[in-house]
Amino acid sequence: CSSSLYAIAVAFNYILSGRCEEAIVAAGNLCLNLTMNVQFFRLGVLSS
C-alpha cells in the first residue's frame, strides 16, 4: 500500500543524486479479479 510513496522516494533520490534529470512516477490499481476481493476479505481488512 505504500508503493506510491516508495516510487516517489526512489525518483526523488535519483534526481537529487544527479542520476537522472527528471522522473515520471506512476501508480495504478484496477480491480479486475473477484478472487482478489475474496482474499482481502478473508484477511479481515474489508468492510462488511
All heavy atoms as atom14 arrays in JSON, in Angstrom:
{
  "sequence": "CSSSLYAIAVAFNYILSGRCEEAIVAAGNLCLNLTMNVQFFRLGVLSS",
  "atom14_mask": [
    [1, 1, 1, 1, 1, 1, 0, 0, 0, 0, 0, 0, 0, 0],
    [1, 1, 1, 1, 1, 1, 0, 0, 0, 0, 0, 0, 0, 0],
    [1, 1, 1, 1, 1, 1, 0, 0, 0, 0, 0, 0, 0, 0],
    [1, 1, 1, 1, 1, 1, 0, 0, 0, 0, 0, 0, 0, 0],
    [1, 1, 1, 1, 1, 1, 1, 1, 0, 0, 0, 0, 0, 0],
    [1, 1, 1, 1, 1, 1, 1, 1, 1, 1, 1, 1, 0, 0],
    [1, 1, 1, 1, 1, 0, 0, 0, 0, 0, 0, 0, 0, 0],
    [1, 1, 1, 1, 1, 1, 1, 1, 0, 0, 0, 0, 0, 0],
    [1, 1, 1, 1, 1, 0, 0, 0, 0, 0, 0, 0, 0, 0],
    [1, 1, 1, 1, 1, 1, 1, 0, 0, 0, 0, 0, 0, 0],
    [1, 1, 1, 1, 1, 0, 0, 0, 0, 0, 0, 0, 0, 0],
    [1, 1, 1, 1, 1, 1, 1, 1, 1, 1, 1, 0, 0, 0],
    [1, 1, 1, 1, 1, 1, 1, 1, 0, 0, 0, 0, 0, 0],
    [1, 1, 1, 1, 1, 1, 1, 1, 1, 1, 1, 1, 0, 0],
    [1, 1, 1, 1, 1, 1, 1, 1, 0, 0, 0, 0, 0, 0],
    [1, 1, 1, 1, 1, 1, 1, 1, 0, 0, 0, 0, 0, 0],
    [1, 1, 1, 1, 1, 1, 0, 0, 0, 0, 0, 0, 0, 0],
    [1, 1, 1, 1, 0, 0, 0, 0, 0, 0, 0, 0, 0, 0],
    [1, 1, 1, 1, 1, 1, 1, 1, 1, 1, 1, 0, 0, 0],
    [1, 1, 1, 1, 1, 1, 0, 0, 0, 0, 0, 0, 0, 0],
    [1, 1, 1, 1, 1, 1, 1, 1, 1, 0, 0, 0, 0, 0],
    [1, 1, 1, 1, 1, 1, 1, 1, 1, 0, 0, 0, 0, 0],
    [1, 1, 1, 1, 1, 0, 0, 0, 0, 0, 0, 0, 0, 0],
    [1, 1, 1, 1, 1, 1, 1, 1, 0, 0, 0, 0, 0, 0],
    [1, 1, 1, 1, 1, 1, 1, 0, 0, 0, 0, 0, 0, 0],
    [1, 1, 1, 1, 1, 0, 0, 0, 0, 0, 0, 0, 0, 0],
    [1, 1, 1, 1, 1, 0, 0, 0, 0, 0, 0, 0, 0, 0],
    [1, 1, 1, 1, 0, 0, 0, 0, 0, 0, 0, 0, 0, 0],
    [1, 1, 1, 1, 1, 1, 1, 1, 0, 0, 0, 0, 0, 0],
    [1, 1, 1, 1, 1, 1, 1, 1, 0, 0, 0, 0, 0, 0],
    [1, 1, 1, 1, 1, 1, 0, 0, 0, 0, 0, 0, 0, 0],
    [1, 1, 1, 1, 1, 1, 1, 1, 0, 0, 0, 0, 0, 0],
    [1, 1, 1, 1, 1, 1, 1, 1, 0, 0, 0, 0, 0, 0],
    [1, 1, 1, 1, 1, 1, 1, 1, 0, 0, 0, 0, 0, 0],
    [1, 1, 1, 1, 1, 1, 1, 0, 0, 0, 0, 0, 0, 0],
    [1, 1, 1, 1, 1, 1, 1, 1, 0, 0, 0, 0, 0, 0],
    [1, 1, 1, 1, 1, 1, 1, 1, 0, 0, 0, 0, 0, 0],
    [1, 1, 1, 1, 1, 1, 1, 0, 0, 0, 0, 0, 0, 0],
    [1, 1, 1, 1, 1, 1, 1, 1, 1, 0, 0, 0, 0, 0],
    [1, 1, 1, 1, 1, 1, 1, 1, 1, 1, 1, 0, 0, 0],
    [1, 1, 1, 1, 1, 1, 1, 1, 1, 1, 1, 0, 0, 0],
    [1, 1, 1, 1, 1, 1, 1, 1, 1, 1, 1, 0, 0, 0],
    [1, 1, 1, 1, 1, 1, 1, 1, 0, 0, 0, 0, 0, 0],
    [1, 1, 1, 1, 0, 0, 0, 0, 0, 0, 0, 0, 0, 0],
    [1, 1, 1, 1, 1, 1, 1, 0, 0, 0, 0, 0, 0, 0],
    [1, 1, 1, 1, 1, 1, 1, 1, 0, 0, 0, 0, 0, 0],
    [1, 1, 1, 1, 1, 1, 0, 0, 0, 0, 0, 0, 0, 0],
    [1, 1, 1, 1, 1, 1, 0, 0, 0, 0, 0, 0, 0, 0]
  ],
  "atom14_positions": [
    [[0.8, -1.23, 0.0], [0.0, 0.0, 0.0], [0.83, 1.27, 0.0], [0.31, 2.35, -0.28], [-0.95, 0.01, 1.2], [-1.95, -1.48, 1.32], [0.0, 0.0, 0.0], [0.0, 0.0, 0.0], [0.0, 0.0, 0.0], [0.0, 0.0, 0.0], [0.0, 0.0, 0.0], [0.0, 0.0, 0.0], [0.0, 0.0, 0.0], [0.0, 0.0, 0.0]],
    [[2.11, 1.2, 0.31], [2.96, 2.38, 0.3], [3.79, 2.48, -0.99], [4.74, 3.27, -1.06], [3.9, 2.38, 1.51], [4.69, 1.21, 1.54], [0.0, 0.0, 0.0], [0.0, 0.0, 0.0], [0.0, 0.0, 0.0], [0.0, 0.0, 0.0], [0.0, 0.0, 0.0], [0.0, 0.0, 0.0], [0.0, 0.0, 0.0], [0.0, 0.0, 0.0]],
    [[3.43, 1.73, -2.01], [4.21, 1.68, -3.25], [4.34, 3.05, -3.91], [5.39, 3.38, -4.47], [3.59, 0.69, -4.23], [3.64, -0.63, -3.73], [0.0, 0.0, 0.0], [0.0, 0.0, 0.0], [0.0, 0.0, 0.0], [0.0, 0.0, 0.0], [0.0, 0.0, 0.0], [0.0, 0.0, 0.0], [0.0, 0.0, 0.0], [0.0, 0.0, 0.0]],
    [[3.28, 3.87, -3.85], [3.33, 5.18, -4.49], [4.44, 6.04, -3.91], [5.25, 6.62, -4.63], [1.99, 5.92, -4.32], [0.96, 5.28, -5.03], [0.0, 0.0, 0.0], [0.0, 0.0, 0.0], [0.0, 0.0, 0.0], [0.0, 0.0, 0.0], [0.0, 0.0, 0.0], [0.0, 0.0, 0.0], [0.0, 0.0, 0.0], [0.0, 0.0, 0.0]],
    [[4.45, 6.15, -2.58], [5.46, 6.99, -1.94], [6.85, 6.38, -2.04], [7.85, 7.11, -2.11], [5.08, 7.28, -0.48], [4.36, 8.62, -0.25], [3.07, 8.69, -1.05], [4.1, 8.86, 1.22], [0.0, 0.0, 0.0], [0.0, 0.0, 0.0], [0.0, 0.0, 0.0], [0.0, 0.0, 0.0], [0.0, 0.0, 0.0], [0.0, 0.0, 0.0]],
    [[6.94, 5.07, -2.04], [8.24, 4.43, -2.25], [8.77, 4.76, -3.65], [9.97, 5.02, -3.82], [8.13, 2.91, -2.07], [8.55, 2.45, -0.68], [7.8, 2.8, 0.44], [9.7, 1.7, -0.49], [8.17, 2.38, 1.72], [10.1, 1.28, 0.78], [9.32, 1.63, 1.87], [9.72, 1.23, 3.14], [0.0, 0.0, 0.0], [0.0, 0.0, 0.0]],
    [[7.9, 4.77, -4.64], [8.31, 5.12, -6.01], [8.76, 6.58, -6.07], [9.77, 6.9, -6.73], [7.16, 4.88, -6.97], [0.0, 0.0, 0.0], [0.0, 0.0, 0.0], [0.0, 0.0, 0.0], [0.0, 0.0, 0.0], [0.0, 0.0, 0.0], [0.0, 0.0, 0.0], [0.0, 0.0, 0.0], [0.0, 0.0, 0.0], [0.0, 0.0, 0.0]],
    [[8.04, 7.46, -5.39], [8.43, 8.87, -5.36], [9.78, 9.03, -4.67], [10.63, 9.82, -5.1], [7.36, 9.71, -4.65], [6.08, 9.74, -5.5], [7.85, 11.13, -4.39], [4.91, 10.42, -4.82], [0.0, 0.0, 0.0], [0.0, 0.0, 0.0], [0.0, 0.0, 0.0], [0.0, 0.0, 0.0], [0.0, 0.0, 0.0], [0.0, 0.0, 0.0]],
    [[10.01, 8.28, -3.59], [11.28, 8.36, -2.87], [12.44, 7.95, -3.77], [13.51, 8.59, -3.77], [11.24, 7.48, -1.62], [0.0, 0.0, 0.0], [0.0, 0.0, 0.0], [0.0, 0.0, 0.0], [0.0, 0.0, 0.0], [0.0, 0.0, 0.0], [0.0, 0.0, 0.0], [0.0, 0.0, 0.0], [0.0, 0.0, 0.0], [0.0, 0.0, 0.0]],
    [[12.24, 6.89, -4.55], [13.3, 6.44, -5.47], [13.59, 7.53, -6.5], [14.75, 7.89, -6.73], [12.88, 5.13, -6.16], [13.86, 4.77, -7.27], [12.79, 3.99, -5.16], [0.0, 0.0, 0.0], [0.0, 0.0, 0.0], [0.0, 0.0, 0.0], [0.0, 0.0, 0.0], [0.0, 0.0, 0.0], [0.0, 0.0, 0.0], [0.0, 0.0, 0.0]],
    [[12.53, 8.08, -7.1], [12.71, 9.12, -8.11], [13.33, 10.38, -7.51], [14.21, 11.01, -8.11], [11.36, 9.44, -8.75], [0.0, 0.0, 0.0], [0.0, 0.0, 0.0], [0.0, 0.0, 0.0], [0.0, 0.0, 0.0], [0.0, 0.0, 0.0], [0.0, 0.0, 0.0], [0.0, 0.0, 0.0], [0.0, 0.0, 0.0], [0.0, 0.0, 0.0]],
    [[12.88, 10.75, -6.32], [13.38, 11.93, -5.62], [14.88, 11.81, -5.4], [15.66, 12.75, -5.66], [12.64, 12.05, -4.28], [12.97, 13.28, -3.48], [12.39, 14.5, -3.76], [13.86, 13.2, -2.42], [12.7, 15.63, -3.0], [14.18, 14.31, -1.66], [13.59, 15.53, -1.95], [0.0, 0.0, 0.0], [0.0, 0.0, 0.0], [0.0, 0.0, 0.0]],
    [[15.32, 10.65, -4.94], [16.75, 10.44, -4.68], [17.56, 10.36, -5.98], [18.72, 10.78, -6.01], [16.95, 9.17, -3.85], [16.43, 9.34, -2.43], [16.53, 10.41, -1.85], [15.86, 8.28, -1.87], [0.0, 0.0, 0.0], [0.0, 0.0, 0.0], [0.0, 0.0, 0.0], [0.0, 0.0, 0.0], [0.0, 0.0, 0.0], [0.0, 0.0, 0.0]],
    [[16.97, 9.81, -7.04], [17.64, 9.79, -8.34], [17.96, 11.22, -8.79], [19.05, 11.52, -9.27], [16.75, 9.12, -9.39], [16.81, 7.61, -9.39], [15.86, 6.88, -10.1], [17.79, 6.91, -8.71], [15.88, 5.48, -10.13], [17.82, 5.52, -8.73], [16.87, 4.82, -9.44], [16.9, 3.44, -9.47], [0.0, 0.0, 0.0], [0.0, 0.0, 0.0]],
    [[16.98, 12.1, -8.66], [17.16, 13.48, -9.13], [18.16, 14.22, -8.25], [19.05, 14.92, -8.75], [15.8, 14.21, -9.16], [14.88, 13.58, -10.23], [15.98, 15.7, -9.46], [13.47, 14.13, -10.24], [0.0, 0.0, 0.0], [0.0, 0.0, 0.0], [0.0, 0.0, 0.0], [0.0, 0.0, 0.0], [0.0, 0.0, 0.0], [0.0, 0.0, 0.0]],
    [[18.04, 14.08, -6.93], [18.96, 14.77, -6.03], [20.4, 14.31, -6.22], [21.34, 15.1, -6.11], [18.54, 14.55, -4.58], [17.32, 15.32, -4.08], [17.14, 15.09, -2.58], [17.45, 16.81, -4.36], [0.0, 0.0, 0.0], [0.0, 0.0, 0.0], [0.0, 0.0, 0.0], [0.0, 0.0, 0.0], [0.0, 0.0, 0.0], [0.0, 0.0, 0.0]],
    [[20.59, 13.03, -6.5], [21.95, 12.49, -6.66], [22.53, 12.77, -8.04], [23.71, 12.52, -8.26], [21.93, 10.98, -6.41], [21.17, 10.32, -7.42], [0.0, 0.0, 0.0], [0.0, 0.0, 0.0], [0.0, 0.0, 0.0], [0.0, 0.0, 0.0], [0.0, 0.0, 0.0], [0.0, 0.0, 0.0], [0.0, 0.0, 0.0], [0.0, 0.0, 0.0]],
    [[21.71, 13.26, -8.95], [22.19, 13.52, -10.31], [22.13, 12.32, -11.22], [22.62, 12.38, -12.35], [0.0, 0.0, 0.0], [0.0, 0.0, 0.0], [0.0, 0.0, 0.0], [0.0, 0.0, 0.0], [0.0, 0.0, 0.0], [0.0, 0.0, 0.0], [0.0, 0.0, 0.0], [0.0, 0.0, 0.0], [0.0, 0.0, 0.0], [0.0, 0.0, 0.0]],
    [[21.54, 11.23, -10.75], [21.48, 10.03, -11.58], [20.56, 10.22, -12.78], [20.74, 9.6, -13.81], [21.02, 8.84, -10.73], [21.09, 7.52, -11.46], [20.81, 6.35, -10.55], [20.84, 5.09, -11.27], [20.61, 3.91, -10.71], [20.36, 3.83, -9.41], [20.64, 2.8, -11.43], [0.0, 0.0, 0.0], [0.0, 0.0, 0.0], [0.0, 0.0, 0.0]],
    [[19.54, 11.06, -12.62], [18.68, 11.4, -13.76], [18.23, 12.85, -13.61], [18.38, 13.46, -12.55], [17.47, 10.46, -13.86], [16.28, 10.64, -12.53], [0.0, 0.0, 0.0], [0.0, 0.0, 0.0], [0.0, 0.0, 0.0], [0.0, 0.0, 0.0], [0.0, 0.0, 0.0], [0.0, 0.0, 0.0], [0.0, 0.0, 0.0], [0.0, 0.0, 0.0]],
    [[17.71, 13.4, -14.69], [17.34, 14.81, -14.71], [15.93, 15.03, -14.16], [15.69, 15.95, -13.37], [17.42, 15.33, -16.15], [18.83, 15.2, -16.76], [18.8, 15.27, -18.26], [17.73, 15.55, -18.83], [19.86, 15.06, -18.88], [0.0, 0.0, 0.0], [0.0, 0.0, 0.0], [0.0, 0.0, 0.0], [0.0, 0.0, 0.0], [0.0, 0.0, 0.0]],
    [[15.0, 14.19, -14.59], [13.6, 14.3, -14.19], [13.05, 12.89, -14.08], [13.75, 11.91, -14.37], [12.82, 15.13, -15.22], [13.36, 16.55, -15.35], [12.72, 17.32, -16.49], [11.99, 16.71, -17.31], [12.94, 18.55, -16.58], [0.0, 0.0, 0.0], [0.0, 0.0, 0.0], [0.0, 0.0, 0.0], [0.0, 0.0, 0.0], [0.0, 0.0, 0.0]],
    [[11.79, 12.77, -13.67], [11.23, 11.42, -13.48], [9.73, 11.41, -13.71], [9.02, 12.35, -13.32], [11.55, 10.89, -12.09], [0.0, 0.0, 0.0], [0.0, 0.0, 0.0], [0.0, 0.0, 0.0], [0.0, 0.0, 0.0], [0.0, 0.0, 0.0], [0.0, 0.0, 0.0], [0.0, 0.0, 0.0], [0.0, 0.0, 0.0], [0.0, 0.0, 0.0]],
    [[9.28, 10.34, -14.32], [7.85, 10.04, -14.41], [7.56, 9.03, -13.31], [8.16, 7.95, -13.27], [7.49, 9.46, -15.78], [7.68, 10.52, -16.86], [6.05, 8.94, -15.79], [7.57, 9.98, -18.27], [0.0, 0.0, 0.0], [0.0, 0.0, 0.0], [0.0, 0.0, 0.0], [0.0, 0.0, 0.0], [0.0, 0.0, 0.0], [0.0, 0.0, 0.0]],
    [[6.68, 9.38, -12.39], [6.31, 8.5, -11.29], [4.82, 8.16, -11.45], [3.98, 9.04, -11.5], [6.56, 9.14, -9.92], [6.26, 8.14, -8.81], [7.99, 9.64, -9.81], [0.0, 0.0, 0.0], [0.0, 0.0, 0.0], [0.0, 0.0, 0.0], [0.0, 0.0, 0.0], [0.0, 0.0, 0.0], [0.0, 0.0, 0.0], [0.0, 0.0, 0.0]],
    [[4.52, 6.88, -11.54], [3.15, 6.45, -11.79], [2.76, 5.35, -10.81], [3.61, 4.67, -10.23], [3.0, 5.95, -13.23], [0.0, 0.0, 0.0], [0.0, 0.0, 0.0], [0.0, 0.0, 0.0], [0.0, 0.0, 0.0], [0.0, 0.0, 0.0], [0.0, 0.0, 0.0], [0.0, 0.0, 0.0], [0.0, 0.0, 0.0], [0.0, 0.0, 0.0]],
    [[1.46, 5.2, -10.63], [0.94, 4.12, -9.78], [-0.47, 3.8, -10.24], [-1.19, 4.68, -10.73], [0.94, 4.52, -8.32], [0.0, 0.0, 0.0], [0.0, 0.0, 0.0], [0.0, 0.0, 0.0], [0.0, 0.0, 0.0], [0.0, 0.0, 0.0], [0.0, 0.0, 0.0], [0.0, 0.0, 0.0], [0.0, 0.0, 0.0], [0.0, 0.0, 0.0]],
    [[-0.85, 2.54, -10.09], [-2.19, 2.16, -10.54], [-2.73, 0.95, -9.8], [-1.97, 0.14, -9.25], [0.0, 0.0, 0.0], [0.0, 0.0, 0.0], [0.0, 0.0, 0.0], [0.0, 0.0, 0.0], [0.0, 0.0, 0.0], [0.0, 0.0, 0.0], [0.0, 0.0, 0.0], [0.0, 0.0, 0.0], [0.0, 0.0, 0.0], [0.0, 0.0, 0.0]],
    [[-4.05, 0.88, -9.79], [-4.72, -0.28, -9.2], [-6.06, -0.46, -9.9], [-6.9, 0.45, -9.9], [-4.94, -0.09, -7.71], [-5.48, -1.33, -7.03], [-4.84, -2.38, -7.06], [-6.66, -1.23, -6.42], [0.0, 0.0, 0.0], [0.0, 0.0, 0.0], [0.0, 0.0, 0.0], [0.0, 0.0, 0.0], [0.0, 0.0, 0.0], [0.0, 0.0, 0.0]],
    [[-6.26, -1.6, -10.54], [-7.53, -1.93, -11.16], [-8.04, -3.24, -10.55], [-7.29, -4.22, -10.46], [-7.4, -2.1, -12.68], [-7.09, -0.84, -13.49], [-7.05, -1.18, -14.98], [-8.1, 0.26, -13.23], [0.0, 0.0, 0.0], [0.0, 0.0, 0.0], [0.0, 0.0, 0.0], [0.0, 0.0, 0.0], [0.0, 0.0, 0.0], [0.0, 0.0, 0.0]],
    [[-9.29, -3.26, -10.13], [-9.9, -4.45, -9.51], [-10.59, -5.27, -10.6], [-11.76, -5.04, -10.92], [-10.88, -4.03, -8.43], [-10.15, -3.01, -7.14], [0.0, 0.0, 0.0], [0.0, 0.0, 0.0], [0.0, 0.0, 0.0], [0.0, 0.0, 0.0], [0.0, 0.0, 0.0], [0.0, 0.0, 0.0], [0.0, 0.0, 0.0], [0.0, 0.0, 0.0]],
    [[-9.87, -6.22, -11.16], [-10.37, -6.99, -12.31], [-10.68, -8.44, -11.97], [-11.26, -9.14, -12.79], [-9.34, -6.94, -13.45], [-8.91, -5.54, -13.91], [-7.81, -5.65, -14.96], [-10.1, -4.78, -14.47], [0.0, 0.0, 0.0], [0.0, 0.0, 0.0], [0.0, 0.0, 0.0], [0.0, 0.0, 0.0], [0.0, 0.0, 0.0], [0.0, 0.0, 0.0]],
    [[-10.3, -8.89, -10.79], [-10.42, -10.3, -10.46], [-11.14, -10.45, -9.11], [-10.64, -9.98, -8.07], [-9.03, -10.95, -10.4], [-9.1, -12.46, -10.4], [-9.95, -13.05, -9.75], [-8.2, -13.09, -11.15], [0.0, 0.0, 0.0], [0.0, 0.0, 0.0], [0.0, 0.0, 0.0], [0.0, 0.0, 0.0], [0.0, 0.0, 0.0], [0.0, 0.0, 0.0]],
    [[-12.28, -11.09, -9.1], [-13.07, -11.24, -7.88], [-12.34, -12.04, -6.81], [-12.59, -11.86, -5.61], [-14.41, -11.9, -8.2], [-15.41, -11.06, -9.01], [-16.65, -11.88, -9.32], [-15.77, -9.8, -8.26], [0.0, 0.0, 0.0], [0.0, 0.0, 0.0], [0.0, 0.0, 0.0], [0.0, 0.0, 0.0], [0.0, 0.0, 0.0], [0.0, 0.0, 0.0]],
    [[-11.45, -12.92, -7.23], [-10.7, -13.72, -6.26], [-9.88, -12.83, -5.32], [-9.73, -13.13, -4.14], [-9.77, -14.71, -6.99], [-10.54, -15.52, -7.86], [-9.02, -15.59, -6.0], [0.0, 0.0, 0.0], [0.0, 0.0, 0.0], [0.0, 0.0, 0.0], [0.0, 0.0, 0.0], [0.0, 0.0, 0.0], [0.0, 0.0, 0.0], [0.0, 0.0, 0.0]],
    [[-9.38, -11.72, -5.85], [-8.61, -10.81, -5.01], [-9.48, -10.22, -3.91], [-9.03, -10.08, -2.76], [-8.03, -9.68, -5.88], [-6.98, -10.14, -6.89], [-5.53, -10.84, -6.1], [-4.93, -9.42, -5.2], [0.0, 0.0, 0.0], [0.0, 0.0, 0.0], [0.0, 0.0, 0.0], [0.0, 0.0, 0.0], [0.0, 0.0, 0.0], [0.0, 0.0, 0.0]],
    [[-10.71, -9.86, -4.24], [-11.62, -9.34, -3.22], [-11.87, -10.36, -2.12], [-11.92, -10.03, -0.93], [-12.95, -8.94, -3.85], [-12.83, -7.73, -4.75], [-11.8, -7.05, -4.75], [-13.86, -7.45, -5.52], [0.0, 0.0, 0.0], [0.0, 0.0, 0.0], [0.0, 0.0, 0.0], [0.0, 0.0, 0.0], [0.0, 0.0, 0.0], [0.0, 0.0, 0.0]],
    [[-12.03, -11.62, -2.52], [-12.26, -12.69, -1.55], [-11.05, -12.84, -0.63], [-11.19, -12.98, 0.6], [-12.55, -14.02, -2.27], [-12.64, -15.16, -1.26], [-13.84, -13.92, -3.08], [0.0, 0.0, 0.0], [0.0, 0.0, 0.0], [0.0, 0.0, 0.0], [0.0, 0.0, 0.0], [0.0, 0.0, 0.0], [0.0, 0.0, 0.0], [0.0, 0.0, 0.0]],
    [[-9.85, -12.77, -1.2], [-8.64, -12.93, -0.4], [-8.5, -11.78, 0.62], [-8.14, -12.01, 1.78], [-7.41, -12.98, -1.31], [-7.36, -14.2, -2.22], [-7.02, -15.48, -1.47], [-7.07, -15.54, -0.25], [-6.67, -16.52, -2.21], [0.0, 0.0, 0.0], [0.0, 0.0, 0.0], [0.0, 0.0, 0.0], [0.0, 0.0, 0.0], [0.0, 0.0, 0.0]],
    [[-8.77, -10.56, 0.2], [-8.69, -9.43, 1.12], [-9.76, -9.52, 2.21], [-9.51, -9.16, 3.37], [-8.82, -8.11, 0.36], [-7.53, -7.59, -0.19], [-7.21, -7.76, -1.53], [-6.62, -6.93, 0.62], [-6.01, -7.29, -2.05], [-5.42, -6.44, 0.11], [-5.11, -6.63, -1.23], [0.0, 0.0, 0.0], [0.0, 0.0, 0.0], [0.0, 0.0, 0.0]],
    [[-10.93, -10.02, 1.84], [-11.99, -10.17, 2.83], [-11.59, -11.21, 3.88], [-11.81, -11.02, 5.08], [-13.3, -10.56, 2.15], [-14.47, -10.62, 3.08], [-15.1, -9.46, 3.5], [-14.94, -11.84, 3.56], [-16.17, -9.5, 4.38], [-16.01, -11.9, 4.43], [-16.64, -10.72, 4.84], [0.0, 0.0, 0.0], [0.0, 0.0, 0.0], [0.0, 0.0, 0.0]],
    [[-10.99, -12.31, 3.41], [-10.54, -13.34, 4.33], [-9.42, -12.84, 5.24], [-9.25, -13.32, 6.37], [-10.08, -14.57, 3.55], [-11.22, -15.36, 2.92], [-10.69, -16.48, 2.05], [-11.78, -17.3, 1.52], [-11.63, -18.27, 0.62], [-10.4, -18.51, 0.13], [-12.64, -18.98, 0.2], [0.0, 0.0, 0.0], [0.0, 0.0, 0.0], [0.0, 0.0, 0.0]],
    [[-8.66, -11.88, 4.75], [-7.59, -11.29, 5.56], [-8.17, -10.44, 6.69], [-7.48, -10.16, 7.67], [-6.68, -10.43, 4.67], [-5.4, -9.87, 5.28], [-4.47, -10.99, 5.74], [-4.7, -8.96, 4.28], [0.0, 0.0, 0.0], [0.0, 0.0, 0.0], [0.0, 0.0, 0.0], [0.0, 0.0, 0.0], [0.0, 0.0, 0.0], [0.0, 0.0, 0.0]],
    [[-9.44, -10.06, 6.55], [-10.12, -9.32, 7.6], [-9.98, -7.82, 7.53], [-10.21, -7.12, 8.53], [0.0, 0.0, 0.0], [0.0, 0.0, 0.0], [0.0, 0.0, 0.0], [0.0, 0.0, 0.0], [0.0, 0.0, 0.0], [0.0, 0.0, 0.0], [0.0, 0.0, 0.0], [0.0, 0.0, 0.0], [0.0, 0.0, 0.0], [0.0, 0.0, 0.0]],
    [[-9.63, -7.28, 6.34], [-9.42, -5.84, 6.24], [-10.54, -5.12, 5.48], [-10.59, -3.89, 5.48], [-8.07, -5.53, 5.54], [-6.92, -6.06, 6.39], [-8.03, -6.12, 4.14], [0.0, 0.0, 0.0], [0.0, 0.0, 0.0], [0.0, 0.0, 0.0], [0.0, 0.0, 0.0], [0.0, 0.0, 0.0], [0.0, 0.0, 0.0], [0.0, 0.0, 0.0]],
    [[-11.44, -5.86, 4.84], [-12.51, -5.22, 4.07], [-13.74, -4.98, 4.94], [-14.08, -5.79, 5.81], [-12.9, -6.08, 2.87], [-11.84, -6.27, 1.78], [-12.47, -6.94, 0.56], [-11.21, -4.95, 1.38], [0.0, 0.0, 0.0], [0.0, 0.0, 0.0], [0.0, 0.0, 0.0], [0.0, 0.0, 0.0], [0.0, 0.0, 0.0], [0.0, 0.0, 0.0]],
    [[-14.41, -3.87, 4.67], [-15.6, -3.51, 5.43], [-16.78, -4.37, 5.0], [-17.05, -4.52, 3.8], [-15.94, -2.04, 5.2], [-17.21, -1.72, 5.71], [0.0, 0.0, 0.0], [0.0, 0.0, 0.0], [0.0, 0.0, 0.0], [0.0, 0.0, 0.0], [0.0, 0.0, 0.0], [0.0, 0.0, 0.0], [0.0, 0.0, 0.0], [0.0, 0.0, 0.0]],
    [[-17.5, -4.92, 5.95], [-18.69, -5.73, 5.65], [-19.89, -4.86, 5.28], [-20.87, -5.35, 4.75], [-19.03, -6.61, 6.86], [-19.26, -5.8, 8.0], [0.0, 0.0, 0.0], [0.0, 0.0, 0.0], [0.0, 0.0, 0.0], [0.0, 0.0, 0.0], [0.0, 0.0, 0.0], [0.0, 0.0, 0.0], [0.0, 0.0, 0.0], [0.0, 0.0, 0.0]]
  ]
}
